[in-house]
Amino acid sequence: MNDKVKEKITKVYELVKRGIAGEQQSAEKMLNKLLNKYNISEDELNSIDEKKYYFKYASNLDEWLLIQLIEYFFKEKNYKIYRIKDSGVKEIAIQMPYLDWVTLDSAYGYFKPHLNQQWRQHGLPVVNRCRTTKTKNKRREAMQETFFSLYIIRSGIYHPEQKKSKSLTEEEIKRLSILYGVEGGKYNQQVTTGLYLK
């Protein structure tokens, strides 16, 4: 299916969804003809307005953040996510509609620098106190997990069922006390009408 056909089907599909009575009925007939002509299934029709978007990440924290934001904003939607790790570039590709991309891109654009700034301020100094690379890597891994869960909770970007209570070890309590000053991000989700100009 070429771009012209895809664009035509998209416009007709929008008329089916948003059209007025008579307009909607004629658009529905035309849509059925197009679907039969080009042999398009219902699933393909629902994903016709989706494009593949790419998000770069530099660290585990950035990757975890992006996955958490996708889980938080689009839990009920099953988007296809692809991890791309070749030639030194770390990216996550996700296939989604434009409006959902705007939400995810703006949230990731806000939280990523804030998360990294909080990590440099509270977590990285503790990691840098280690002398050898082996202990630095081990400490970084443990600190990042604790830091990330604390940051997500303080930012409020989780669903209630994701929050679990458990008994903590002395080491975990020590890490939490070190990271006590971590501040969560204050992100206000955009209110959308559903209509955007490209």
N, C-alpha and C. Protein backbone atom coordinates (compact mmCIF):
# COMPACT_ATOMS: atom_id res chain seq x y z
N MET A 1 0.86 -1.17 0.00
CA MET A 1 0.00 0.00 0.00
C MET A 1 0.90 1.23 0.00
N ASN A 2 0.69 2.13 -0.96
CA ASN A 2 1.51 3.33 -1.03
C ASN A 2 0.95 4.44 -0.15
N ASP A 3 1.68 5.56 -0.10
CA ASP A 3 1.30 6.66 0.79
C ASP A 3 -0.01 7.32 0.40
N LYS A 4 -0.29 7.42 -0.90
CA LYS A 4 -1.54 8.06 -1.35
C LYS A 4 -2.75 7.26 -0.88
N VAL A 5 -2.67 5.96 -1.04
CA VAL A 5 -3.77 5.08 -0.61
C VAL A 5 -3.94 5.16 0.90
N LYS A 6 -2.83 5.12 1.61
CA LYS A 6 -2.86 5.19 3.07
C LYS A 6 -3.49 6.51 3.53
N GLU A 7 -3.11 7.60 2.88
CA GLU A 7 -3.66 8.92 3.23
C GLU A 7 -5.16 8.97 2.95
N LYS A 8 -5.58 8.41 1.83
CA LYS A 8 -7.00 8.40 1.47
C LYS A 8 -7.80 7.60 2.49
N ILE A 9 -7.30 6.41 2.84
CA ILE A 9 -8.00 5.57 3.82
C ILE A 9 -8.06 6.27 5.18
N THR A 10 -6.98 6.95 5.55
CA THR A 10 -6.95 7.67 6.82
C THR A 10 -8.01 8.76 6.86
N LYS A 11 -8.14 9.53 5.77
CA LYS A 11 -9.14 10.60 5.72
C LYS A 11 -10.56 10.04 5.79
N VAL A 12 -10.81 8.98 5.04
CA VAL A 12 -12.14 8.36 5.06
C VAL A 12 -12.44 7.79 6.45
N TYR A 13 -11.45 7.19 7.07
CA TYR A 13 -11.62 6.62 8.40
C TYR A 13 -11.94 7.72 9.43
N GLU A 14 -11.30 8.87 9.29
CA GLU A 14 -11.60 10.01 10.17
C GLU A 14 -13.03 10.47 9.98
N LEU A 15 -13.51 10.48 8.74
CA LEU A 15 -14.91 10.85 8.48
C LEU A 15 -15.87 9.85 9.12
N VAL A 16 -15.50 8.58 9.08
CA VAL A 16 -16.34 7.56 9.72
C VAL A 16 -16.42 7.82 11.22
N LYS A 17 -15.31 8.19 11.82
CA LYS A 17 -15.27 8.41 13.27
C LYS A 17 -15.91 9.73 13.68
N ARG A 18 -15.72 10.80 12.89
CA ARG A 18 -16.14 12.14 13.33
C ARG A 18 -17.23 12.77 12.47
N GLY A 19 -17.65 12.11 11.43
CA GLY A 19 -18.62 12.71 10.51
C GLY A 19 -20.01 12.81 11.09
N ILE A 20 -20.85 13.59 10.40
CA ILE A 20 -22.25 13.75 10.78
C ILE A 20 -23.04 12.66 10.06
N ALA A 21 -24.22 12.34 10.55
CA ALA A 21 -25.03 11.17 10.15
C ALA A 21 -24.87 10.71 8.70
N GLY A 22 -25.34 11.48 7.71
CA GLY A 22 -25.28 11.05 6.31
C GLY A 22 -23.85 10.95 5.81
N GLU A 23 -23.04 11.91 6.22
CA GLU A 23 -21.62 11.93 5.84
C GLU A 23 -20.92 10.67 6.37
N GLN A 24 -21.27 10.31 7.58
CA GLN A 24 -20.66 9.15 8.23
C GLN A 24 -21.04 7.85 7.52
N GLN A 25 -22.30 7.74 7.11
CA GLN A 25 -22.77 6.52 6.43
C GLN A 25 -22.10 6.34 5.07
N SER A 26 -22.02 7.41 4.30
CA SER A 26 -21.38 7.30 2.98
C SER A 26 -19.88 7.02 3.12
N ALA A 27 -19.26 7.62 4.14
CA ALA A 27 -17.83 7.37 4.38
C ALA A 27 -17.61 5.92 4.79
N GLU A 28 -18.55 5.36 5.53
CA GLU A 28 -18.44 3.96 5.96
C GLU A 28 -18.52 3.01 4.76
N LYS A 29 -19.42 3.32 3.81
CA LYS A 29 -19.52 2.50 2.59
C LYS A 29 -18.22 2.58 1.79
N MET A 30 -17.70 3.79 1.66
CA MET A 30 -16.47 3.98 0.90
C MET A 30 -15.29 3.27 1.58
N LEU A 31 -15.26 3.35 2.90
CA LEU A 31 -14.20 2.69 3.66
C LEU A 31 -14.23 1.18 3.45
N ASN A 32 -15.43 0.60 3.48
CA ASN A 32 -15.56 -0.85 3.26
C ASN A 32 -15.07 -1.25 1.87
N LYS A 33 -15.39 -0.42 0.86
CA LYS A 33 -14.91 -0.69 -0.50
C LYS A 33 -13.38 -0.66 -0.55
N LEU A 34 -12.80 0.36 0.09
CA LEU A 34 -11.34 0.49 0.09
C LEU A 34 -10.67 -0.66 0.83
N LEU A 35 -11.27 -1.07 1.94
CA LEU A 35 -10.70 -2.18 2.72
C LEU A 35 -10.73 -3.48 1.91
N ASN A 36 -11.83 -3.71 1.20
CA ASN A 36 -11.92 -4.91 0.37
C ASN A 36 -10.97 -4.84 -0.82
N LYS A 37 -10.88 -3.66 -1.43
CA LYS A 37 -10.03 -3.50 -2.61
C LYS A 37 -8.56 -3.75 -2.29
N TYR A 38 -8.09 -3.20 -1.16
CA TYR A 38 -6.67 -3.32 -0.80
C TYR A 38 -6.41 -4.42 0.22
N ASN A 39 -7.45 -5.21 0.53
CA ASN A 39 -7.31 -6.36 1.43
C ASN A 39 -6.68 -5.96 2.77
N ILE A 40 -7.31 -5.00 3.45
CA ILE A 40 -6.81 -4.48 4.73
C ILE A 40 -7.69 -5.02 5.85
N SER A 41 -7.05 -5.54 6.89
CA SER A 41 -7.78 -6.10 8.03
C SER A 41 -8.15 -5.00 9.03
N GLU A 42 -8.96 -5.37 10.00
CA GLU A 42 -9.40 -4.44 11.05
C GLU A 42 -8.22 -3.92 11.88
N ASP A 43 -7.28 -4.81 12.20
CA ASP A 43 -6.09 -4.41 12.98
C ASP A 43 -5.24 -3.41 12.21
N GLU A 44 -5.07 -3.66 10.92
CA GLU A 44 -4.29 -2.73 10.09
C GLU A 44 -4.97 -1.38 10.00
N LEU A 45 -6.29 -1.39 9.95
CA LEU A 45 -7.04 -0.14 9.89
C LEU A 45 -6.86 0.67 11.17
N ASN A 46 -6.90 -0.01 12.31
CA ASN A 46 -6.73 0.69 13.58
C ASN A 46 -5.33 1.27 13.74
N SER A 47 -4.35 0.65 13.11
CA SER A 47 -2.97 1.14 13.24
C SER A 47 -2.51 1.93 12.02
N ILE A 48 -3.44 2.34 11.16
CA ILE A 48 -3.06 3.02 9.92
C ILE A 48 -2.50 4.41 10.17
N ASP A 49 -2.95 5.06 11.22
CA ASP A 49 -2.44 6.41 11.51
C ASP A 49 -1.20 6.39 12.41
N GLU A 50 -0.68 5.20 12.68
CA GLU A 50 0.51 5.09 13.52
C GLU A 50 1.78 5.20 12.69
N LYS A 51 2.77 5.85 13.28
CA LYS A 51 4.09 5.95 12.67
C LYS A 51 5.12 5.46 13.68
N LYS A 52 6.31 5.19 13.21
CA LYS A 52 7.38 4.75 14.09
C LYS A 52 8.16 5.98 14.54
N TYR A 53 8.30 6.15 15.86
CA TYR A 53 9.05 7.26 16.44
C TYR A 53 10.24 6.70 17.20
N TYR A 54 11.32 7.46 17.24
CA TYR A 54 12.57 7.00 17.85
C TYR A 54 12.93 7.89 19.03
N PHE A 55 13.34 7.25 20.12
CA PHE A 55 13.78 7.95 21.32
C PHE A 55 15.18 7.46 21.67
N LYS A 56 16.11 8.39 21.81
CA LYS A 56 17.48 8.02 22.17
C LYS A 56 17.62 8.03 23.68
N TYR A 57 18.47 7.14 24.16
CA TYR A 57 18.78 7.13 25.59
C TYR A 57 20.26 6.84 25.76
N ALA A 58 20.82 7.34 26.87
CA ALA A 58 22.26 7.20 27.09
C ALA A 58 22.57 6.21 28.21
N SER A 59 21.68 6.07 29.16
CA SER A 59 21.97 5.23 30.33
C SER A 59 20.79 4.33 30.64
N ASN A 60 20.99 3.45 31.61
CA ASN A 60 19.90 2.59 32.08
C ASN A 60 18.76 3.43 32.64
N LEU A 61 19.09 4.51 33.33
CA LEU A 61 18.07 5.37 33.91
C LEU A 61 17.16 5.94 32.83
N ASP A 62 17.74 6.42 31.73
CA ASP A 62 16.95 6.98 30.64
C ASP A 62 16.04 5.91 30.02
N GLU A 63 16.58 4.72 29.83
CA GLU A 63 15.79 3.62 29.25
C GLU A 63 14.64 3.24 30.18
N TRP A 64 14.93 3.09 31.47
CA TRP A 64 13.89 2.75 32.44
C TRP A 64 12.81 3.82 32.47
N LEU A 65 13.24 5.09 32.40
CA LEU A 65 12.29 6.20 32.44
C LEU A 65 11.35 6.14 31.25
N LEU A 66 11.88 5.94 30.06
CA LEU A 66 11.04 5.88 28.87
C LEU A 66 10.04 4.73 28.96
N ILE A 67 10.50 3.57 29.39
CA ILE A 67 9.60 2.42 29.53
C ILE A 67 8.52 2.71 30.58
N GLN A 68 8.89 3.36 31.67
CA GLN A 68 7.92 3.70 32.72
C GLN A 68 6.89 4.71 32.22
N LEU A 69 7.33 5.70 31.44
CA LEU A 69 6.39 6.69 30.90
C LEU A 69 5.41 6.04 29.92
N ILE A 70 5.90 5.11 29.12
CA ILE A 70 5.01 4.39 28.20
C ILE A 70 3.98 3.59 29.00
N GLU A 71 4.44 2.93 30.06
CA GLU A 71 3.55 2.16 30.93
C GLU A 71 2.54 3.08 31.62
N TYR A 72 2.99 4.26 32.06
CA TYR A 72 2.13 5.18 32.81
C TYR A 72 1.05 5.80 31.91
N PHE A 73 1.45 6.32 30.75
CA PHE A 73 0.50 7.03 29.89
C PHE A 73 -0.34 6.10 29.01
N PHE A 74 0.21 4.97 28.61
CA PHE A 74 -0.46 4.13 27.61
C PHE A 74 -0.59 2.69 28.07
N LYS A 75 -0.97 2.49 29.30
CA LYS A 75 -1.05 1.14 29.86
C LYS A 75 -2.03 0.26 29.09
N GLU A 76 -3.17 0.82 28.72
CA GLU A 76 -4.21 0.02 28.07
C GLU A 76 -3.95 -0.20 26.58
N LYS A 77 -3.01 0.54 26.02
CA LYS A 77 -2.70 0.39 24.59
C LYS A 77 -1.48 -0.52 24.44
N ASN A 78 -1.53 -1.38 23.47
CA ASN A 78 -0.42 -2.32 23.25
C ASN A 78 0.42 -1.86 22.08
N TYR A 79 1.33 -0.94 22.35
CA TYR A 79 2.20 -0.44 21.30
C TYR A 79 3.39 -1.37 21.11
N LYS A 80 3.86 -1.44 19.88
CA LYS A 80 5.05 -2.24 19.59
C LYS A 80 6.28 -1.42 19.91
N ILE A 81 7.15 -1.98 20.75
CA ILE A 81 8.38 -1.30 21.16
C ILE A 81 9.57 -2.11 20.67
N TYR A 82 10.53 -1.42 20.06
CA TYR A 82 11.72 -2.08 19.54
C TYR A 82 12.95 -1.43 20.16
N ARG A 83 13.88 -2.24 20.66
CA ARG A 83 15.16 -1.73 21.17
C ARG A 83 16.17 -1.82 20.04
N ILE A 84 16.86 -0.73 19.79
CA ILE A 84 17.86 -0.69 18.72
C ILE A 84 19.20 -0.37 19.36
N LYS A 85 20.14 -1.31 19.27
CA LYS A 85 21.48 -1.11 19.83
C LYS A 85 22.50 -1.51 18.78
N ASP A 86 22.81 -0.62 17.88
CA ASP A 86 23.84 -0.92 16.89
C ASP A 86 24.66 0.33 16.60
N SER A 87 25.87 0.14 16.25
CA SER A 87 26.84 1.20 15.93
C SER A 87 26.89 2.29 17.01
N GLY A 88 26.81 1.88 18.26
CA GLY A 88 26.98 2.81 19.37
C GLY A 88 25.76 3.67 19.68
N VAL A 89 24.67 3.51 18.95
CA VAL A 89 23.47 4.31 19.19
C VAL A 89 22.46 3.45 19.94
N LYS A 90 21.96 3.98 21.04
CA LYS A 90 20.93 3.28 21.81
C LYS A 90 19.62 4.01 21.57
N GLU A 91 18.66 3.31 21.00
CA GLU A 91 17.37 3.91 20.70
C GLU A 91 16.26 2.93 21.02
N ILE A 92 15.10 3.51 21.29
CA ILE A 92 13.89 2.72 21.39
C ILE A 92 12.94 3.26 20.34
N ALA A 93 12.45 2.38 19.49
CA ALA A 93 11.47 2.76 18.48
C ALA A 93 10.11 2.29 18.95
N ILE A 94 9.11 3.14 18.77
CA ILE A 94 7.76 2.78 19.18
C ILE A 94 6.80 3.23 18.09
N GLN A 95 5.86 2.37 17.77
CA GLN A 95 4.87 2.67 16.75
C GLN A 95 3.60 3.14 17.45
N MET A 96 3.22 4.42 17.18
CA MET A 96 2.08 5.01 17.86
C MET A 96 1.50 6.17 17.05
N PRO A 97 0.27 6.61 17.37
CA PRO A 97 -0.30 7.78 16.70
C PRO A 97 0.41 9.06 17.11
N TYR A 98 0.24 10.09 16.29
CA TYR A 98 0.91 11.36 16.50
C TYR A 98 0.58 11.99 17.86
N LEU A 99 -0.69 11.99 18.24
CA LEU A 99 -1.08 12.64 19.49
C LEU A 99 -0.44 11.97 20.71
N ASP A 100 -0.34 10.65 20.67
CA ASP A 100 0.32 9.95 21.78
C ASP A 100 1.81 10.23 21.78
N TRP A 101 2.40 10.39 20.60
CA TRP A 101 3.82 10.73 20.51
C TRP A 101 4.07 12.10 21.15
N VAL A 102 3.18 13.06 20.91
CA VAL A 102 3.34 14.40 21.50
C VAL A 102 3.37 14.30 23.02
N THR A 103 2.46 13.52 23.59
CA THR A 103 2.41 13.34 25.04
C THR A 103 3.70 12.70 25.56
N LEU A 104 4.12 11.61 24.91
CA LEU A 104 5.31 10.89 25.36
C LEU A 104 6.57 11.73 25.17
N ASP A 105 6.68 12.41 24.05
CA ASP A 105 7.87 13.22 23.76
C ASP A 105 8.01 14.38 24.74
N SER A 106 6.90 15.05 25.05
CA SER A 106 6.98 16.18 25.98
C SER A 106 7.29 15.70 27.40
N ALA A 107 6.71 14.57 27.81
CA ALA A 107 6.99 14.04 29.15
C ALA A 107 8.44 13.58 29.25
N TYR A 108 8.92 12.86 28.25
CA TYR A 108 10.31 12.38 28.25
C TYR A 108 11.28 13.56 28.17
N GLY A 109 10.92 14.57 27.40
CA GLY A 109 11.74 15.78 27.29
C GLY A 109 11.85 16.52 28.62
N TYR A 110 10.82 16.45 29.44
CA TYR A 110 10.88 17.10 30.76
C TYR A 110 11.60 16.21 31.78
N PHE A 111 11.18 14.97 31.89
CA PHE A 111 11.69 14.10 32.95
C PHE A 111 13.14 13.69 32.77
N LYS A 112 13.59 13.48 31.53
CA LYS A 112 14.96 12.99 31.31
C LYS A 112 16.02 13.93 31.88
N PRO A 113 16.01 15.24 31.55
CA PRO A 113 17.04 16.12 32.14
C PRO A 113 16.88 16.26 33.66
N HIS A 114 15.63 16.27 34.13
CA HIS A 114 15.40 16.39 35.57
C HIS A 114 15.92 15.16 36.31
N LEU A 115 15.65 13.98 35.78
CA LEU A 115 16.13 12.74 36.37
C LEU A 115 17.65 12.72 36.41
N ASN A 116 18.29 13.07 35.31
CA ASN A 116 19.75 13.06 35.25
C ASN A 116 20.37 14.10 36.18
N GLN A 117 19.73 15.24 36.31
CA GLN A 117 20.23 16.28 37.23
C GLN A 117 20.14 15.79 38.68
N GLN A 118 19.03 15.13 39.03
CA GLN A 118 18.88 14.58 40.38
C GLN A 118 19.88 13.45 40.63
N TRP A 119 20.16 12.63 39.62
CA TRP A 119 21.14 11.55 39.75
C TRP A 119 22.53 12.13 39.98
N ARG A 120 22.90 13.15 39.19
CA ARG A 120 24.23 13.76 39.36
C ARG A 120 24.36 14.42 40.73
N GLN A 121 23.28 14.94 41.23
CA GLN A 121 23.31 15.64 42.52
C GLN A 121 23.33 14.67 43.71
N HIS A 122 22.57 13.58 43.63
CA HIS A 122 22.41 12.71 44.80
C HIS A 122 23.06 11.34 44.68
N GLY A 123 23.04 10.73 43.50
CA GLY A 123 23.54 9.36 43.36
C GLY A 123 24.98 9.25 42.92
N LEU A 124 25.37 10.08 41.96
CA LEU A 124 26.71 9.97 41.39
C LEU A 124 27.83 10.24 42.39
N PRO A 125 27.71 11.22 43.30
CA PRO A 125 28.78 11.42 44.28
C PRO A 125 29.07 10.17 45.13
N VAL A 126 28.04 9.40 45.44
CA VAL A 126 28.22 8.18 46.22
C VAL A 126 28.98 7.14 45.40
N VAL A 127 28.66 7.05 44.11
CA VAL A 127 29.33 6.09 43.23
C VAL A 127 30.79 6.49 43.03
N ASN A 128 31.06 7.78 42.90
CA ASN A 128 32.42 8.25 42.64
C ASN A 128 33.36 8.07 43.83
N ARG A 129 32.82 7.81 45.01
CA ARG A 129 33.68 7.57 46.18
C ARG A 129 34.39 6.22 46.11
N CYS A 130 33.88 5.32 45.29
CA CYS A 130 34.51 3.99 45.16
C CYS A 130 35.84 4.13 44.44
N ARG A 131 36.79 3.26 44.79
CA ARG A 131 38.13 3.37 44.22
C ARG A 131 38.30 2.59 42.92
N THR A 132 37.79 1.38 42.87
CA THR A 132 38.02 0.56 41.68
C THR A 132 36.79 0.58 40.77
N THR A 133 37.03 0.26 39.52
CA THR A 133 35.94 0.24 38.53
C THR A 133 34.91 -0.82 38.88
N LYS A 134 35.38 -1.95 39.36
CA LYS A 134 34.47 -3.05 39.70
C LYS A 134 33.50 -2.63 40.80
N THR A 135 34.01 -2.00 41.86
CA THR A 135 33.12 -1.56 42.95
C THR A 135 32.24 -0.40 42.50
N LYS A 136 32.77 0.47 41.63
CA LYS A 136 31.95 1.57 41.10
C LYS A 136 30.76 1.02 40.32
N ASN A 137 31.00 0.05 39.46
CA ASN A 137 29.92 -0.53 38.66
C ASN A 137 28.88 -1.23 39.54
N LYS A 138 29.36 -1.95 40.55
CA LYS A 138 28.45 -2.64 41.46
C LYS A 138 27.61 -1.64 42.25
N ARG A 139 28.26 -0.61 42.77
CA ARG A 139 27.55 0.43 43.53
C ARG A 139 26.59 1.20 42.63
N ARG A 140 27.02 1.53 41.40
CA ARG A 140 26.16 2.26 40.46
C ARG A 140 24.88 1.48 40.19
N GLU A 141 25.02 0.18 39.95
CA GLU A 141 23.86 -0.65 39.65
C GLU A 141 22.86 -0.65 40.82
N ALA A 142 23.37 -0.84 42.03
CA ALA A 142 22.50 -0.87 43.21
C ALA A 142 21.87 0.50 43.47
N MET A 143 22.67 1.56 43.35
CA MET A 143 22.17 2.91 43.61
C MET A 143 21.15 3.34 42.56
N GLN A 144 21.38 2.97 41.30
CA GLN A 144 20.45 3.38 40.25
C GLN A 144 19.08 2.75 40.44
N GLU A 145 19.03 1.50 40.83
CA GLU A 145 17.74 0.84 41.05
C GLU A 145 16.96 1.53 42.17
N THR A 146 17.64 1.80 43.28
CA THR A 146 16.99 2.47 44.41
C THR A 146 16.60 3.89 44.03
N PHE A 147 17.51 4.61 43.38
CA PHE A 147 17.24 5.98 42.97
C PHE A 147 16.04 6.05 42.03
N PHE A 148 16.00 5.16 41.05
CA PHE A 148 14.93 5.20 40.05
C PHE A 148 13.57 4.96 40.69
N SER A 149 13.47 3.96 41.55
CA SER A 149 12.18 3.69 42.18
C SER A 149 11.75 4.86 43.07
N LEU A 150 12.70 5.47 43.77
CA LEU A 150 12.39 6.63 44.60
C LEU A 150 11.96 7.82 43.74
N TYR A 151 12.64 8.04 42.63
CA TYR A 151 12.31 9.16 41.73
C TYR A 151 10.92 8.99 41.12
N ILE A 152 10.59 7.78 40.70
CA ILE A 152 9.28 7.51 40.11
C ILE A 152 8.17 7.76 41.13
N ILE A 153 8.38 7.32 42.35
CA ILE A 153 7.38 7.52 43.40
C ILE A 153 7.23 9.00 43.72
N ARG A 154 8.34 9.72 43.86
CA ARG A 154 8.27 11.15 44.18
C ARG A 154 7.68 11.96 43.03
N SER A 155 7.85 11.49 41.80
CA SER A 155 7.29 12.19 40.64
C SER A 155 5.83 11.84 40.42
N GLY A 156 5.38 10.73 40.97
CA GLY A 156 3.99 10.32 40.83
C GLY A 156 3.66 9.73 39.46
N ILE A 157 4.66 9.19 38.76
CA ILE A 157 4.40 8.62 37.44
C ILE A 157 4.37 7.09 37.53
N TYR A 158 3.42 6.60 38.27
CA TYR A 158 3.22 5.16 38.42
C TYR A 158 1.74 4.91 38.66
N HIS A 159 1.32 3.68 38.43
CA HIS A 159 -0.05 3.27 38.74
C HIS A 159 -0.04 2.65 40.13
N PRO A 160 -1.14 2.76 40.87
CA PRO A 160 -1.17 2.23 42.25
C PRO A 160 -0.78 0.75 42.34
N GLU A 161 -1.13 -0.04 41.33
CA GLU A 161 -0.78 -1.47 41.40
C GLU A 161 0.70 -1.72 41.19
N GLN A 162 1.45 -0.72 40.71
CA GLN A 162 2.90 -0.88 40.55
C GLN A 162 3.64 -0.71 41.87
N LYS A 163 3.01 -0.04 42.82
CA LYS A 163 3.66 0.23 44.10
C LYS A 163 3.45 -0.96 45.03
N LYS A 164 4.56 -1.56 45.45
CA LYS A 164 4.49 -2.73 46.32
C LYS A 164 5.27 -2.45 47.59
N SER A 165 4.74 -2.91 48.71
CA SER A 165 5.48 -2.76 49.96
C SER A 165 6.25 -4.05 50.23
N LYS A 166 7.46 -3.88 50.73
CA LYS A 166 8.29 -5.04 51.06
C LYS A 166 9.20 -4.65 52.21
N SER A 167 9.70 -5.64 52.91
CA SER A 167 10.64 -5.35 53.99
C SER A 167 12.02 -5.09 53.38
N LEU A 168 12.69 -4.08 53.89
CA LEU A 168 13.97 -3.66 53.33
C LEU A 168 15.14 -4.22 54.13
N THR A 169 16.22 -4.48 53.43
CA THR A 169 17.45 -4.90 54.09
C THR A 169 18.16 -3.66 54.63
N GLU A 170 19.16 -3.88 55.46
CA GLU A 170 19.93 -2.74 56.00
C GLU A 170 20.59 -1.94 54.89
N GLU A 171 21.09 -2.65 53.88
CA GLU A 171 21.76 -1.99 52.75
C GLU A 171 20.77 -1.10 51.98
N GLU A 172 19.55 -1.58 51.77
CA GLU A 172 18.53 -0.79 51.06
C GLU A 172 18.12 0.43 51.88
N ILE A 173 18.01 0.26 53.19
CA ILE A 173 17.67 1.39 54.06
C ILE A 173 18.78 2.43 54.01
N LYS A 174 20.02 1.98 54.00
CA LYS A 174 21.17 2.89 53.91
C LYS A 174 21.14 3.67 52.59
N ARG A 175 20.86 2.98 51.49
CA ARG A 175 20.79 3.65 50.18
C ARG A 175 19.65 4.67 50.14
N LEU A 176 18.50 4.30 50.72
CA LEU A 176 17.37 5.23 50.74
C LEU A 176 17.67 6.47 51.58
N SER A 177 18.39 6.28 52.69
CA SER A 177 18.73 7.44 53.52
C SER A 177 19.73 8.36 52.81
N ILE A 178 20.63 7.77 52.01
CA ILE A 178 21.57 8.58 51.24
C ILE A 178 20.82 9.39 50.18
N LEU A 179 19.81 8.78 49.58
CA LEU A 179 19.07 9.41 48.48
C LEU A 179 17.83 10.17 48.97
N TYR A 180 17.75 10.46 50.26
CA TYR A 180 16.56 11.08 50.83
C TYR A 180 16.19 12.40 50.15
N GLY A 181 17.16 13.18 49.72
CA GLY A 181 16.90 14.50 49.16
C GLY A 181 16.43 14.52 47.72
N VAL A 182 16.25 13.36 47.10
CA VAL A 182 15.82 13.31 45.70
C VAL A 182 14.43 13.93 45.55
N GLU A 183 14.30 14.84 44.60
CA GLU A 183 13.02 15.49 44.33
C GLU A 183 12.42 14.91 43.06
N GLY A 184 11.13 14.70 43.08
CA GLY A 184 10.44 14.21 41.89
C GLY A 184 10.10 15.37 40.96
N GLY A 185 9.85 15.05 39.72
CA GLY A 185 9.46 16.07 38.74
C GLY A 185 8.00 16.44 38.90
N LYS A 186 7.68 17.67 38.57
CA LYS A 186 6.30 18.16 38.65
C LYS A 186 5.79 18.40 37.23
N TYR A 187 5.34 17.36 36.58
CA TYR A 187 4.90 17.43 35.19
C TYR A 187 3.39 17.53 35.13
N ASN A 188 2.88 18.50 34.38
CA ASN A 188 1.45 18.63 34.17
C ASN A 188 1.12 18.08 32.79
N GLN A 189 0.27 17.07 32.75
CA GLN A 189 -0.09 16.45 31.47
C GLN A 189 -0.91 17.43 30.66
N GLN A 190 -0.68 17.41 29.35
CA GLN A 190 -1.40 18.30 28.46
C GLN A 190 -2.85 17.86 28.35
N VAL A 191 -3.73 18.84 28.27
CA VAL A 191 -5.13 18.55 28.03
C VAL A 191 -5.32 18.71 26.53
N THR A 192 -5.81 17.67 25.87
CA THR A 192 -5.91 17.72 24.42
C THR A 192 -7.36 17.68 23.98
N THR A 193 -7.60 18.33 22.85
CA THR A 193 -8.92 18.25 22.23
C THR A 193 -8.94 17.14 21.21
N GLY A 194 -7.76 16.63 20.87
CA GLY A 194 -7.68 15.58 19.88
C GLY A 194 -7.38 16.10 18.50
N LEU A 195 -7.38 17.41 18.32
CA LEU A 195 -7.14 17.98 17.00
C LEU A 195 -5.85 18.78 17.02
N TYR A 196 -4.91 18.41 16.18
CA TYR A 196 -3.64 19.12 16.04
C TYR A 196 -3.38 19.37 14.57
N LEU A 197 -2.74 20.47 14.28
CA LEU A 197 -2.32 20.75 12.91
C LEU A 197 -0.91 20.25 12.73
N LYS A 198 -0.64 19.66 11.59
CA LYS A 198 0.72 19.19 11.31
C LYS A 198 1.44 20.20 10.46
